[in-house]
Amino acid sequence: MVELLKIGELSRRSGVPIATLARQIRGSLIDVLDQDYIRTARAMGLREREIIGQLALKNAGAPAMTIIGIQFAYMLATLFWLASKAQPTESP
């Protein structure tokens, strides 16, 4: 339960909603699970848990990491912009 609270707090502060990331990962996972190498792994007899955990999630997570990276760059640029505009003024 504590872990979920930390993820929720991180999501609220980071500007990247968890629902957006979950939707992106879900869509990517659906696409990846339809690939030929996944069908081959099933034909070889791998368990579904192994297929999803070892093969599919690695490839489905890449678009989500792209979104996180873009959001991080946006937040960093905003921080630099705010720091340049909020210079302390000398008081008389």
Foldseek 3Di string as FASTA:
>chain_A
DVVVVVVCVCCVVLVNHPVNLVVQLVVQLVVQCPDPVVVVCVVVPDDPCCSCVPPRSVRSCVVSVVVSVVSVVVVVVVVVVVVVVPDDDDDD
